[in-house]
Protein backbone atom coordinates (compact mmCIF):
# COMPACT_ATOMS: atom_id res chain seq x y z
CA MET A 1 84.43 153.07 61.04
CA LYS A 2 81.27 150.55 61.30
CA HIS A 3 80.38 148.83 64.32
CA ILE A 4 80.88 145.16 63.96
CA ARG A 5 76.95 144.86 64.01
CA ASP A 6 76.60 146.50 60.77
CA ILE A 7 78.98 144.50 59.05
CA ASP A 8 77.31 141.73 56.68
CA PRO A 9 79.46 138.87 56.96
CA LEU A 10 78.07 137.92 53.31
CA VAL A 11 79.31 140.69 51.33
CA PRO A 12 82.71 140.07 50.21
CA GLY A 13 85.47 142.83 50.44
CA ARG A 14 84.93 146.66 50.88
CA PRO A 15 82.72 148.79 49.07
CA THR A 16 84.54 150.36 45.95
CA LEU A 17 84.82 153.88 45.90
CA SER A 18 83.56 156.33 43.36
CA TYR A 19 85.92 158.07 41.39
CA GLN A 20 85.24 161.54 43.18
CA GLU A 21 86.63 159.72 46.62
CA ARG A 22 89.31 158.16 44.91
CA GLU A 23 90.43 161.49 43.51
CA HIS A 24 89.85 163.30 47.05
CA LEU A 25 91.96 160.60 48.91
CA SER A 26 94.86 160.80 46.26
CA LYS A 27 94.82 164.53 46.72
CA ALA A 28 94.96 164.41 50.36
CA ARG A 29 97.82 161.88 50.17
CA LEU A 30 99.74 163.81 47.92
CA GLN A 31 99.25 166.87 50.07
CA GLN A 32 100.44 165.10 53.10
CA GLN A 33 103.46 163.89 51.40
CA LYS A 34 104.19 167.51 50.13
CA GLU A 35 103.94 168.94 54.17
CA ASP A 36 105.94 165.91 55.12
CA GLY A 37 108.78 166.53 52.58
CA TYR A 38 108.61 170.26 53.52
CA GLN A 39 109.54 169.24 57.31
CA GLN A 40 112.03 167.20 56.20
CA LEU A 41 113.88 169.86 54.04
CA VAL A 42 113.50 172.29 56.56
CA GLU A 43 115.09 169.86 59.05
CA LEU A 44 118.03 169.40 56.82
CA CYS A 45 118.60 173.05 56.41
CA ARG A 46 118.36 173.47 59.95
CA LEU A 47 120.59 170.99 60.55
CA GLY A 48 123.27 172.92 57.74
CA GLU A 49 122.93 169.81 55.35
CA TYR A 50 122.17 172.07 52.46
CA ASP A 51 123.44 169.48 49.56
CA ALA A 52 121.47 166.70 51.32
CA ALA A 53 118.17 169.23 51.36
CA ARG A 54 118.87 169.95 47.73
CA GLN A 55 119.13 166.22 46.68
CA LEU A 56 116.05 165.39 48.68
CA ALA A 57 114.01 168.28 46.95
CA ASN A 58 115.45 167.35 43.43
CA ARG A 59 114.40 163.79 44.02
CA ASN A 60 111.04 164.58 44.97
CA SER A 61 110.23 167.37 42.47
CA ARG A 62 106.51 166.92 42.75
CA TRP A 63 106.81 168.52 46.27
CA GLY A 64 107.49 171.69 44.53
CA TYR A 65 110.37 172.90 46.54
CA GLN A 66 113.88 174.09 45.81
CA ILE A 67 116.94 175.18 48.10
CA VAL A 68 117.89 178.63 47.73
CA GLY A 69 120.38 180.08 50.00
CA GLY A 70 119.91 177.40 52.76
CA GLU A 71 116.27 178.14 52.58
CA VAL A 72 113.36 176.03 51.45
CA MET A 73 111.15 178.01 48.69
CA GLU A 74 108.44 176.73 46.62
CA LYS A 75 109.49 176.57 43.16
CA ILE A 76 108.13 178.96 40.52
CA ASP A 77 107.58 177.55 37.22
């Protein structure tokens, strides 16, 4: 984060990100969503809500998890 003294009030908006920076941010966001999803699935299974966990895993297949025998497992394609 820049100090206020380093910000030029005459320059409109934020600087545009390079392709690599956007790609990095996108991958980081997807990884964070996957980790958060895993925690949600584990918590549902811990509470015995296997059907809810299965539905959540199916709705968010990009996470790459499935519920097998009441446990969260990575899908093998």
